[in-house]
Amino acid sequence: MTALESIVLITALAGVTSVLIAASCSVTLLSRMINNMVSLSVGILLATALLHSLPEAFSFQGAKPQLLFATLLAGLLGFFLLEKIALLRHDHHHEGDGHHHHHGHDAENAGRSGWMILVGDGIHNFVDGILIAAAFMADYQVGIFTAIAIIAHEIPQEIGDFIVLLNAGFSRTRALLYNLICGLSAVVGGVLAYFFLEKAHAAMPYLLVIASSSFIYIAVSDLIPQMHRRPHWVESLRQTLLIACGVGFVILLSLLH
């Protein structure tokens, strides 16, 4: 097996395995309580962005903090504009507001957060593919261990993504299919890194920041406002505890690898 074939195989396994594990956990344990699990997803997405991806981006040698922060700002504004375009396109309003809409209108509008999380997830997996390929080209064994580590840290994020997709009105089958497609973007990253490693490596911190901006934007603009619609103090306590569990889950798996 050539080096390129090995990179394709390893990145495909890394991208698909974490998605399948996360989907299994989400379907069997979490989707029955989707409203509560939105809170868990907020903790996972924010912790992934702020405690994992952004620190990793800022640790790259030669990456300028001012430019990374500018990229983060551009990413947040970009996702705001994408959502605004979706709202204008679908003439956003709520069922029961006096307008007549076809069945599923609200699910279509809610689905915009699902599409945005898929964009961020695809970029994040693309970067993971670059990391695996770079490690593999340095040493075969290092590449294997890097893939295992990436699978471990991707699981909580993929659980968060899957919950967002279910909450946005995606069926379980569609959510799994689109997550698998995003997972395979790791293969694209790995192949491009094989041919253009130096250029791919230079772009990685900025790609990580853009992916992080999607996780932050969705958590803050779409998921947290949903949680505020249930303001009872018992519900608020439950939401806070679930956010803390999501953050703790990310921290735990980060410490394990």
C-alpha atoms as a PDB file:
ATOM      1  CA  MET A   1       0.000   0.000   0.000  1.00  0.00           C
ATOM      2  CA  THR A   2       1.422   3.388  -0.996  1.00  0.00           C
ATOM      3  CA  ALA A   3       1.694   6.344   1.395  1.00  0.00           C
ATOM      4  CA  LEU A   4      -1.176   8.133  -0.360  1.00  0.00           C
ATOM      5  CA  GLU A   5      -3.441   5.068  -0.149  1.00  0.00           C
ATOM      6  CA  SER A   6      -2.624   4.706   3.546  1.00  0.00           C
ATOM      7  CA  ILE A   7      -3.462   8.375   4.188  1.00  0.00           C
ATOM      8  CA  VAL A   8      -6.807   8.016   2.377  1.00  0.00           C
ATOM      9  CA  LEU A   9      -7.674   4.888   4.369  1.00  0.00           C
ATOM     10  CA  ILE A  10      -6.669   6.319   7.757  1.00  0.00           C
ATOM     11  CA  THR A  11      -8.376   9.704   7.258  1.00  0.00           C
ATOM     12  CA  ALA A  12     -11.561   7.975   6.027  1.00  0.00           C
ATOM     13  CA  LEU A  13     -11.618   5.715   9.088  1.00  0.00           C
ATOM     14  CA  ALA A  14     -10.946   8.660  11.407  1.00  0.00           C
ATOM     15  CA  GLY A  15     -13.689  10.779   9.837  1.00  0.00           C
ATOM     16  CA  VAL A  16     -16.310   8.027   9.759  1.00  0.00           C
ATOM     17  CA  THR A  17     -15.596   6.277  13.080  1.00  0.00           C
ATOM     18  CA  SER A  18     -16.168   9.333  15.279  1.00  0.00           C
ATOM     19  CA  VAL A  19     -19.418  10.125  13.425  1.00  0.00           C
ATOM     20  CA  LEU A  20     -20.768   6.577  13.840  1.00  0.00           C
ATOM     21  CA  ILE A  21     -19.893   6.449  17.550  1.00  0.00           C
ATOM     22  CA  ALA A  22     -21.437   9.878  18.146  1.00  0.00           C
ATOM     23  CA  ALA A  23     -24.582   8.996  16.175  1.00  0.00           C
ATOM     24  CA  SER A  24     -24.957   5.763  18.141  1.00  0.00           C
ATOM     25  CA  CYS A  25     -24.708   7.626  21.453  1.00  0.00           C
ATOM     26  CA  SER A  26     -27.064  10.365  20.277  1.00  0.00           C
ATOM     27  CA  VAL A  27     -29.761   8.018  18.971  1.00  0.00           C
ATOM     28  CA  THR A  28     -29.729   5.511  21.827  1.00  0.00           C
ATOM     29  CA  LEU A  29     -29.229   7.866  24.751  1.00  0.00           C
ATOM     30  CA  LEU A  30     -29.843  11.466  23.859  1.00  0.00           C
ATOM     31  CA  SER A  31     -32.461  12.015  21.176  1.00  0.00           C
ATOM     32  CA  ARG A  32     -35.298  10.987  23.505  1.00  0.00           C
ATOM     33  CA  MET A  33     -34.615  14.147  25.520  1.00  0.00           C
ATOM     34  CA  ILE A  34     -33.704  16.505  22.682  1.00  0.00           C
ATOM     35  CA  ASN A  35     -34.754  19.703  24.479  1.00  0.00           C
ATOM     36  CA  ASN A  36     -32.480  18.950  27.431  1.00  0.00           C
ATOM     37  CA  MET A  37     -29.704  17.743  25.159  1.00  0.00           C
ATOM     38  CA  VAL A  38     -29.590  21.126  23.430  1.00  0.00           C
ATOM     39  CA  SER A  39     -28.020  22.382  26.675  1.00  0.00           C
ATOM     40  CA  LEU A  40     -25.417  19.603  26.553  1.00  0.00           C
ATOM     41  CA  SER A  41     -24.674  20.531  22.948  1.00  0.00           C
ATOM     42  CA  VAL A  42     -24.055  24.167  23.947  1.00  0.00           C
ATOM     43  CA  GLY A  43     -21.411  23.053  26.447  1.00  0.00           C
ATOM     44  CA  ILE A  44     -19.774  20.719  23.940  1.00  0.00           C
ATOM     45  CA  LEU A  45     -19.670  23.249  21.083  1.00  0.00           C
ATOM     46  CA  LEU A  46     -18.363  26.127  23.217  1.00  0.00           C
ATOM     47  CA  ALA A  47     -15.763  23.935  24.933  1.00  0.00           C
ATOM     48  CA  THR A  48     -14.606  22.486  21.609  1.00  0.00           C
ATOM     49  CA  ALA A  49     -14.193  25.971  20.150  1.00  0.00           C
ATOM     50  CA  LEU A  50     -12.768  27.826  23.162  1.00  0.00           C
ATOM     51  CA  LEU A  51     -10.770  25.105  24.933  1.00  0.00           C
ATOM     52  CA  HIS A  52      -9.551  23.020  21.997  1.00  0.00           C
ATOM     53  CA  SER A  53      -9.698  24.499  18.488  1.00  0.00           C
ATOM     54  CA  LEU A  54      -8.852  28.139  19.209  1.00  0.00           C
ATOM     55  CA  PRO A  55      -5.911  27.362  21.555  1.00  0.00           C
ATOM     56  CA  GLU A  56      -4.612  24.953  18.917  1.00  0.00           C
ATOM     57  CA  ALA A  57      -4.905  27.643  16.240  1.00  0.00           C
ATOM     58  CA  PHE A  58      -3.051  30.208  18.364  1.00  0.00           C
ATOM     59  CA  SER A  59      -0.276  27.716  19.143  1.00  0.00           C
ATOM     60  CA  PHE A  60       0.858  27.561  15.505  1.00  0.00           C
ATOM     61  CA  GLN A  61       4.254  29.146  15.017  1.00  0.00           C
ATOM     62  CA  GLY A  62       4.037  32.204  12.803  1.00  0.00           C
ATOM     63  CA  ALA A  63       0.277  32.678  13.229  1.00  0.00           C
ATOM     64  CA  LYS A  64      -0.414  36.328  14.104  1.00  0.00           C
ATOM     65  CA  PRO A  65      -2.958  36.780  16.949  1.00  0.00           C
ATOM     66  CA  GLN A  66      -4.400  39.963  15.375  1.00  0.00           C
ATOM     67  CA  LEU A  67      -5.059  38.146  12.105  1.00  0.00           C
ATOM     68  CA  LEU A  68      -6.552  35.141  13.899  1.00  0.00           C
ATOM     69  CA  PHE A  69      -8.905  37.392  15.880  1.00  0.00           C
ATOM     70  CA  ALA A  70      -9.823  39.181  12.648  1.00  0.00           C
ATOM     71  CA  THR A  71     -10.590  35.777  11.104  1.00  0.00           C
ATOM     72  CA  LEU A  72     -12.761  34.905  14.107  1.00  0.00           C
ATOM     73  CA  LEU A  73     -14.663  38.189  13.741  1.00  0.00           C
ATOM     74  CA  ALA A  74     -15.062  37.631   9.994  1.00  0.00           C
ATOM     75  CA  GLY A  75     -16.309  34.095  10.644  1.00  0.00           C
ATOM     76  CA  LEU A  76     -18.925  35.250  13.163  1.00  0.00           C
ATOM     77  CA  LEU A  77     -20.127  38.024  10.849  1.00  0.00           C
ATOM     78  CA  GLY A  78     -20.090  35.644   7.891  1.00  0.00           C
ATOM     79  CA  PHE A  79     -22.339  33.127   9.649  1.00  0.00           C
ATOM     80  CA  PHE A  80     -24.604  36.002  10.736  1.00  0.00           C
ATOM     81  CA  LEU A  81     -24.960  37.039   7.093  1.00  0.00           C
ATOM     82  CA  LEU A  82     -25.598  33.443   5.992  1.00  0.00           C
ATOM     83  CA  GLU A  83     -28.383  33.156   8.550  1.00  0.00           C
ATOM     84  CA  LYS A  84     -29.779  36.572   7.585  1.00  0.00           C
ATOM     85  CA  ILE A  85     -29.885  35.525   3.922  1.00  0.00           C
ATOM     86  CA  ALA A  86     -31.696  32.320   4.914  1.00  0.00           C
ATOM     87  CA  LEU A  87     -34.209  34.302   6.963  1.00  0.00           C
ATOM     88  CA  LEU A  88     -34.879  36.740   4.122  1.00  0.00           C
ATOM     89  CA  ARG A  89     -35.141  33.928   1.601  1.00  0.00           C
ATOM     90  CA  HIS A  90     -37.718  32.014   3.623  1.00  0.00           C
ATOM     91  CA  ASP A  91     -39.645  35.100   4.816  1.00  0.00           C
ATOM     92  CA  HIS A  92     -39.052  34.134   8.431  1.00  0.00           C
ATOM     93  CA  HIS A  93     -42.053  34.083  10.752  1.00  0.00           C
ATOM     94  CA  HIS A  94     -43.608  31.680  13.214  1.00  0.00           C
ATOM     95  CA  GLU A  95     -46.531  29.347  12.924  1.00  0.00           C
ATOM     96  CA  GLY A  96     -49.583  30.850  14.557  1.00  0.00           C
ATOM     97  CA  ASP A  97     -48.590  34.420  13.632  1.00  0.00           C
ATOM     98  CA  GLY A  98     -51.598  34.850  11.374  1.00  0.00           C
ATOM     99  CA  HIS A  99     -49.806  33.815   8.201  1.00  0.00           C
ATOM    100  CA  HIS A 100     -50.494  30.614   6.352  1.00  0.00           C
ATOM    101  CA  HIS A 101     -47.474  28.365   5.817  1.00  0.00           C
ATOM    102  CA  HIS A 102     -47.055  24.924   4.403  1.00  0.00           C
ATOM    103  CA  HIS A 103     -46.507  22.075   6.840  1.00  0.00           C
ATOM    104  CA  GLY A 104     -42.891  21.973   8.039  1.00  0.00           C
ATOM    105  CA  HIS A 105     -42.235  25.664   7.389  1.00  0.00           C
ATOM    106  CA  ASP A 106     -40.721  26.172  10.855  1.00  0.00           C
ATOM    107  CA  ALA A 107     -38.549  23.076  10.485  1.00  0.00           C
ATOM    108  CA  GLU A 108     -37.119  24.554   7.290  1.00  0.00           C
ATOM    109  CA  ASN A 109     -36.254  27.785   9.072  1.00  0.00           C
ATOM    110  CA  ALA A 110     -34.800  25.955  12.076  1.00  0.00           C
ATOM    111  CA  GLY A 111     -32.724  23.903   9.666  1.00  0.00           C
ATOM    112  CA  ARG A 112     -30.465  26.851   8.874  1.00  0.00           C
ATOM    113  CA  SER A 113     -28.522  26.172  12.100  1.00  0.00           C
ATOM    114  CA  GLY A 114     -28.087  22.604  10.891  1.00  0.00           C
ATOM    115  CA  TRP A 115     -26.544  23.717   7.614  1.00  0.00           C
ATOM    116  CA  MET A 116     -24.195  26.103   9.427  1.00  0.00           C
ATOM    117  CA  ILE A 117     -22.999  23.406  11.822  1.00  0.00           C
ATOM    118  CA  LEU A 118     -22.265  21.172   8.827  1.00  0.00           C
ATOM    119  CA  VAL A 119     -20.096  23.904   7.274  1.00  0.00           C
ATOM    120  CA  GLY A 120     -18.091  24.270  10.477  1.00  0.00           C
ATOM    121  CA  ASP A 121     -17.834  20.510  10.955  1.00  0.00           C
ATOM    122  CA  GLY A 122     -16.635  20.007   7.383  1.00  0.00           C
ATOM    123  CA  ILE A 123     -13.879  22.581   7.831  1.00  0.00           C
ATOM    124  CA  HIS A 124     -12.858  21.055  11.168  1.00  0.00           C
ATOM    125  CA  ASN A 125     -12.628  17.557   9.690  1.00  0.00           C
ATOM    126  CA  PHE A 126     -10.663  18.929   6.732  1.00  0.00           C
ATOM    127  CA  VAL A 127      -8.073  20.259   9.209  1.00  0.00           C
ATOM    128  CA  ASP A 128      -8.016  16.906  11.017  1.00  0.00           C
ATOM    129  CA  GLY A 129      -7.183  15.240   7.704  1.00  0.00           C
ATOM    130  CA  ILE A 130      -4.223  17.600   7.252  1.00  0.00           C
ATOM    131  CA  LEU A 131      -2.996  16.783  10.775  1.00  0.00           C
ATOM    132  CA  ILE A 132      -3.218  13.028  10.182  1.00  0.00           C
ATOM    133  CA  ALA A 133      -1.431  13.236   6.834  1.00  0.00           C
ATOM    134  CA  ALA A 134       1.343  15.429   8.253  1.00  0.00           C
ATOM    135  CA  ALA A 135       1.892  13.044  11.171  1.00  0.00           C
ATOM    136  CA  PHE A 136       1.752  10.005   8.875  1.00  0.00           C
ATOM    137  CA  MET A 137       4.378  11.428   6.519  1.00  0.00           C
ATOM    138  CA  ALA A 138       6.654  12.021   9.497  1.00  0.00           C
ATOM    139  CA  ASP A 139       6.211   8.507  10.873  1.00  0.00           C
ATOM    140  CA  TYR A 140       3.672   5.753  10.156  1.00  0.00           C
ATOM    141  CA  GLN A 141       3.125   4.923  13.834  1.00  0.00           C
ATOM    142  CA  VAL A 142       2.752   8.589  14.786  1.00  0.00           C
ATOM    143  CA  GLY A 143       0.102   8.899  12.082  1.00  0.00           C
ATOM    144  CA  ILE A 144      -1.883   5.991  13.554  1.00  0.00           C
ATOM    145  CA  PHE A 145      -1.769   7.428  17.075  1.00  0.00           C
ATOM    146  CA  THR A 146      -2.713  10.865  15.746  1.00  0.00           C
ATOM    147  CA  ALA A 147      -5.783   9.381  14.020  1.00  0.00           C
ATOM    148  CA  ILE A 148      -6.818   7.624  17.251  1.00  0.00           C
ATOM    149  CA  ALA A 149      -6.408  10.867  19.223  1.00  0.00           C
ATOM    150  CA  ILE A 150      -8.469  12.779  16.661  1.00  0.00           C
ATOM    151  CA  ILE A 151     -11.263  10.190  16.805  1.00  0.00           C
ATOM    152  CA  ALA A 152     -11.313  10.573  20.609  1.00  0.00           C
ATOM    153  CA  HIS A 153     -11.556  14.365  20.593  1.00  0.00           C
ATOM    154  CA  GLU A 154     -14.045  14.402  17.697  1.00  0.00           C
ATOM    155  CA  ILE A 155     -16.624  12.218  19.463  1.00  0.00           C
ATOM    156  CA  PRO A 156     -18.014  14.913  21.825  1.00  0.00           C
ATOM    157  CA  GLN A 157     -18.085  17.488  19.028  1.00  0.00           C
ATOM    158  CA  GLU A 158     -19.885  15.068  16.712  1.00  0.00           C
ATOM    159  CA  ILE A 159     -22.430  14.343  19.456  1.00  0.00           C
ATOM    160  CA  GLY A 160     -23.017  18.088  19.737  1.00  0.00           C
ATOM    161  CA  ASP A 161     -23.370  18.392  15.967  1.00  0.00           C
ATOM    162  CA  PHE A 162     -25.797  15.470  15.799  1.00  0.00           C
ATOM    163  CA  ILE A 163     -27.990  17.006  18.519  1.00  0.00           C
ATOM    164  CA  VAL A 164     -28.015  20.340  16.661  1.00  0.00           C
ATOM    165  CA  LEU A 165     -29.115  18.592  13.452  1.00  0.00           C
ATOM    166  CA  LEU A 166     -31.911  16.685  15.218  1.00  0.00           C
ATOM    167  CA  ASN A 167     -33.019  19.892  16.937  1.00  0.00           C
ATOM    168  CA  ALA A 168     -33.011  21.683  13.573  1.00  0.00           C
ATOM    169  CA  GLY A 169     -35.523  19.219  12.161  1.00  0.00           C
ATOM    170  CA  PHE A 170     -33.214  16.777  10.374  1.00  0.00           C
ATOM    171  CA  SER A 171     -34.272  13.132  10.483  1.00  0.00           C
ATOM    172  CA  ARG A 172     -31.836  10.710  12.099  1.00  0.00           C
ATOM    173  CA  THR A 173     -30.976   9.255   8.701  1.00  0.00           C
ATOM    174  CA  ARG A 174     -30.315  12.672   7.133  1.00  0.00           C
ATOM    175  CA  ALA A 175     -28.301  13.804  10.146  1.00  0.00           C
ATOM    176  CA  LEU A 176     -26.141  10.667   9.957  1.00  0.00           C
ATOM    177  CA  LEU A 177     -25.702  10.937   6.179  1.00  0.00           C
ATOM    178  CA  TYR A 178     -24.652  14.594   6.201  1.00  0.00           C
ATOM    179  CA  ASN A 179     -22.350  14.049   9.181  1.00  0.00           C
ATOM    180  CA  LEU A 180     -20.691  11.159   7.343  1.00  0.00           C
ATOM    181  CA  ILE A 181     -20.171  13.355   4.278  1.00  0.00           C
ATOM    182  CA  CYS A 182     -18.580  16.021   6.494  1.00  0.00           C
ATOM    183  CA  GLY A 183     -16.444  13.338   8.127  1.00  0.00           C
ATOM    184  CA  LEU A 184     -15.080  12.363   4.736  1.00  0.00           C
ATOM    185  CA  SER A 185     -13.782  15.906   4.232  1.00  0.00           C
ATOM    186  CA  ALA A 186     -10.872  14.621   6.342  1.00  0.00           C
ATOM    187  CA  VAL A 187      -9.891  12.552   3.299  1.00  0.00           C
ATOM    188  CA  VAL A 188      -9.811  15.706   1.152  1.00  0.00           C
ATOM    189  CA  GLY A 189      -7.610  17.423   3.731  1.00  0.00           C
ATOM    190  CA  GLY A 190      -5.297  14.422   3.919  1.00  0.00           C
ATOM    191  CA  VAL A 191      -4.872  14.146   0.151  1.00  0.00           C
ATOM    192  CA  LEU A 192      -4.232  17.883  -0.295  1.00  0.00           C
ATOM    193  CA  ALA A 193      -1.742  17.786   2.579  1.00  0.00           C
ATOM    194  CA  TYR A 194       0.078  14.924   0.869  1.00  0.00           C
ATOM    195  CA  PHE A 195       0.625  17.068  -2.233  1.00  0.00           C
ATOM    196  CA  PHE A 196       0.773  20.564  -0.709  1.00  0.00           C
ATOM    197  CA  LEU A 197       1.797  20.036   2.917  1.00  0.00           C
ATOM    198  CA  GLU A 198       3.558  23.386   3.430  1.00  0.00           C
ATOM    199  CA  LYS A 199       0.655  25.478   2.090  1.00  0.00           C
ATOM    200  CA  ALA A 200      -1.948  23.356   3.880  1.00  0.00           C
ATOM    201  CA  HIS A 201      -0.069  23.678   7.156  1.00  0.00           C
ATOM    202  CA  ALA A 202       0.055  27.473   6.830  1.00  0.00           C
ATOM    203  CA  ALA A 203      -3.738  27.666   6.350  1.00  0.00           C
ATOM    204  CA  MET A 204      -4.608  25.364   9.278  1.00  0.00           C
ATOM    205  CA  PRO A 205      -4.843  27.930  12.109  1.00  0.00           C
ATOM    206  CA  TYR A 206      -7.212  30.117  10.081  1.00  0.00           C
ATOM    207  CA  LEU A 207      -9.385  27.139   9.099  1.00  0.00           C
ATOM    208  CA  LEU A 208      -9.573  26.111  12.762  1.00  0.00           C
ATOM    209  CA  VAL A 209     -10.681  29.633  13.700  1.00  0.00           C
ATOM    210  CA  ILE A 210     -13.419  29.653  11.023  1.00  0.00           C
ATOM    211  CA  ALA A 211     -14.696  26.269  12.217  1.00  0.00           C
ATOM    212  CA  SER A 212     -14.667  27.572  15.799  1.00  0.00           C
ATOM    213  CA  SER A 213     -16.644  30.654  14.782  1.00  0.00           C
ATOM    214  CA  SER A 214     -19.461  28.427  13.473  1.00  0.00           C
ATOM    215  CA  PHE A 215     -19.632  26.468  16.752  1.00  0.00           C
ATOM    216  CA  ILE A 216     -19.669  29.672  18.830  1.00  0.00           C
ATOM    217  CA  TYR A 217     -22.227  31.402  16.608  1.00  0.00           C
ATOM    218  CA  ILE A 218     -24.666  28.474  16.601  1.00  0.00           C
ATOM    219  CA  ALA A 219     -24.399  27.969  20.368  1.00  0.00           C
ATOM    220  CA  VAL A 220     -24.885  31.654  21.177  1.00  0.00           C
ATOM    221  CA  SER A 221     -27.368  32.772  18.510  1.00  0.00           C
ATOM    222  CA  ASP A 222     -29.517  29.669  17.930  1.00  0.00           C
ATOM    223  CA  LEU A 223     -29.297  27.244  20.856  1.00  0.00           C
ATOM    224  CA  ILE A 224     -29.055  29.520  23.916  1.00  0.00           C
ATOM    225  CA  PRO A 225     -32.111  31.609  22.846  1.00  0.00           C
ATOM    226  CA  GLN A 226     -34.083  28.328  22.659  1.00  0.00           C
ATOM    227  CA  MET A 227     -33.040  27.585  26.237  1.00  0.00           C
ATOM    228  CA  HIS A 228     -34.191  31.030  27.400  1.00  0.00           C
ATOM    229  CA  ARG A 229     -37.734  30.186  26.265  1.00  0.00           C
ATOM    230  CA  ARG A 230     -37.908  27.807  29.253  1.00  0.00           C
ATOM    231  CA  PRO A 231     -37.091  30.223  32.107  1.00  0.00           C
ATOM    232  CA  HIS A 232     -38.357  28.207  35.106  1.00  0.00           C
ATOM    233  CA  TRP A 233     -35.664  27.986  37.778  1.00  0.00           C
ATOM    234  CA  VAL A 234     -35.681  24.145  37.862  1.00  0.00           C
ATOM    235  CA  GLU A 235     -35.266  24.055  34.077  1.00  0.00           C
ATOM    236  CA  SER A 236     -32.534  26.724  34.290  1.00  0.00           C
ATOM    237  CA  LEU A 237     -30.634  24.639  36.841  1.00  0.00           C
ATOM    238  CA  ARG A 238     -30.933  21.564  34.629  1.00  0.00           C
ATOM    239  CA  GLN A 239     -29.667  23.555  31.622  1.00  0.00           C
ATOM    240  CA  THR A 240     -26.677  24.859  33.598  1.00  0.00           C
ATOM    241  CA  LEU A 241     -25.748  21.376  34.799  1.00  0.00           C
ATOM    242  CA  LEU A 242     -25.997  19.956  31.274  1.00  0.00           C
ATOM    243  CA  ILE A 243     -23.819  22.745  29.865  1.00  0.00           C
ATOM    244  CA  ALA A 244     -21.260  21.939  32.575  1.00  0.00           C
ATOM    245  CA  CYS A 245     -21.463  18.233  31.650  1.00  0.00           C
ATOM    246  CA  GLY A 246     -20.804  19.091  28.003  1.00  0.00           C
ATOM    247  CA  VAL A 247     -17.770  21.173  28.939  1.00  0.00           C
ATOM    248  CA  GLY A 248     -16.526  18.460  31.292  1.00  0.00           C
ATOM    249  CA  PHE A 249     -16.920  15.804  28.585  1.00  0.00           C
ATOM    250  CA  VAL A 250     -14.657  17.741  26.216  1.00  0.00           C
ATOM    251  CA  ILE A 251     -12.087  18.419  28.947  1.00  0.00           C
ATOM    252  CA  LEU A 252     -12.039  14.755  30.021  1.00  0.00           C
ATOM    253  CA  LEU A 253     -11.430  13.395  26.542  1.00  0.00           C
ATOM    254  CA  SER A 254      -8.809  16.082  25.900  1.00  0.00           C
ATOM    255  CA  LEU A 255      -6.928  14.966  29.041  1.00  0.00           C
ATOM    256  CA  LEU A 256      -7.126  11.305  28.024  1.00  0.00           C
ATOM    257  CA  HIS A 257      -5.145  11.893  24.820  1.00  0.00           C
END
